[in-house]
Amino acid sequence: MISKGSAIPNRPPHRDRIAAFGLASIGIELGASIGIGYWVGTWMDERYDTAPWLLVVWVLIGVTAGFRSLFRAAKRAMKDDPP
């Protein structure tokens, strides 16, 4: 049975919207991870007078955490929606 309005057979339309909101949050997670890394790095550079080294380290940690989250969400989405 194919549900009317659903992109995937046997899946109610509201499930598609829930999945879309979950995927939309990936950008927010990526931006927040980088922003938090920037904030922590700036704070630590000011506190320990190490500018710009701790900022660079923490931004790289934020980028890594953000992309890790992105890849995990993509992997989860691919597992949930077979071709």
Protein backbone atom coordinates (compact mmCIF):
# COMPACT_ATOMS: atom_id res chain seq x y z
CA MET A 1 0.00 0.00 0.00
CA ILE A 2 1.31 3.44 -0.91
CA SER A 3 0.28 6.29 1.37
CA LYS A 4 -0.97 9.35 -0.45
CA GLY A 5 1.57 12.17 -0.21
CA SER A 6 4.41 10.03 1.07
CA ALA A 7 7.63 9.66 -0.91
CA ILE A 8 8.23 6.18 0.50
CA PRO A 9 5.73 3.30 0.20
CA ASN A 10 3.99 2.24 3.43
CA ARG A 11 5.13 5.34 5.29
CA PRO A 12 2.72 7.97 6.62
CA PRO A 13 3.27 11.53 5.30
CA HIS A 14 3.96 12.97 8.76
CA ARG A 15 7.00 10.69 9.09
CA ASP A 16 8.53 12.41 6.04
CA ARG A 17 8.16 15.80 7.73
CA ILE A 18 9.73 14.53 10.92
CA ALA A 19 12.68 13.15 8.94
CA ALA A 20 13.05 16.46 7.10
CA PHE A 21 13.19 18.42 10.37
CA GLY A 22 15.81 15.99 11.67
CA LEU A 23 17.95 16.55 8.60
CA ALA A 24 17.43 20.33 8.77
CA SER A 25 18.96 20.40 12.23
CA ILE A 26 22.28 19.19 10.81
CA GLY A 27 23.20 22.72 9.70
CA ILE A 28 22.39 24.08 13.13
CA GLU A 29 24.55 21.41 14.78
CA LEU A 30 27.45 22.15 12.44
CA GLY A 31 27.26 25.89 13.05
CA ALA A 32 26.85 25.48 16.80
CA SER A 33 29.84 23.12 17.03
CA ILE A 34 32.09 25.58 15.20
CA GLY A 35 30.70 28.53 17.18
CA ILE A 36 31.28 26.82 20.52
CA GLY A 37 34.81 25.86 19.44
CA TYR A 38 35.47 29.50 18.48
CA TRP A 39 34.09 30.77 21.80
CA VAL A 40 36.08 28.30 23.92
CA GLY A 41 39.26 28.96 21.92
CA THR A 42 38.91 32.74 22.24
CA TRP A 43 38.23 32.49 25.97
CA MET A 44 41.22 30.20 26.54
CA ASP A 45 43.51 32.41 24.42
CA GLU A 46 42.57 35.44 26.50
CA ARG A 47 42.95 33.54 29.77
CA TYR A 48 46.31 31.91 29.02
CA ASP A 49 47.71 34.51 26.55
CA THR A 50 48.33 31.96 23.79
CA ALA A 51 46.67 33.75 20.86
CA PRO A 52 45.87 32.38 18.28
CA TRP A 53 46.89 28.78 18.99
CA LEU A 54 44.12 27.62 21.30
CA LEU A 55 41.56 29.32 19.06
CA VAL A 56 42.83 27.33 16.08
CA VAL A 57 42.81 24.08 18.07
CA TRP A 58 39.29 24.57 19.39
CA VAL A 59 37.86 25.65 16.04
CA LEU A 60 39.34 22.49 14.50
CA ILE A 61 37.78 20.45 17.31
CA GLY A 62 34.43 22.17 16.59
CA VAL A 63 34.71 21.49 12.86
CA THR A 64 35.57 17.85 13.54
CA ALA A 65 32.64 17.45 15.94
CA GLY A 66 30.27 19.13 13.48
CA PHE A 67 31.29 16.95 10.54
CA ARG A 68 31.18 13.83 12.70
CA SER A 69 27.60 14.70 13.56
CA LEU A 70 26.86 15.35 9.88
CA PHE A 71 28.24 11.97 8.79
CA ARG A 72 26.42 10.12 11.57
CA ALA A 73 23.12 11.75 10.58
CA ALA A 74 23.70 10.95 6.90
CA LYS A 75 24.50 7.34 7.74
CA ARG A 76 21.37 7.10 9.90
CA ALA A 77 19.24 8.66 7.12
CA MET A 78 20.60 6.22 4.55
CA LYS A 79 19.84 3.28 6.84
CA ASP A 80 16.27 4.50 7.45
CA ASP A 81 15.47 5.16 3.77
CA PRO A 82 16.54 2.26 1.55
CA PRO A 83 16.60 2.99 -2.20
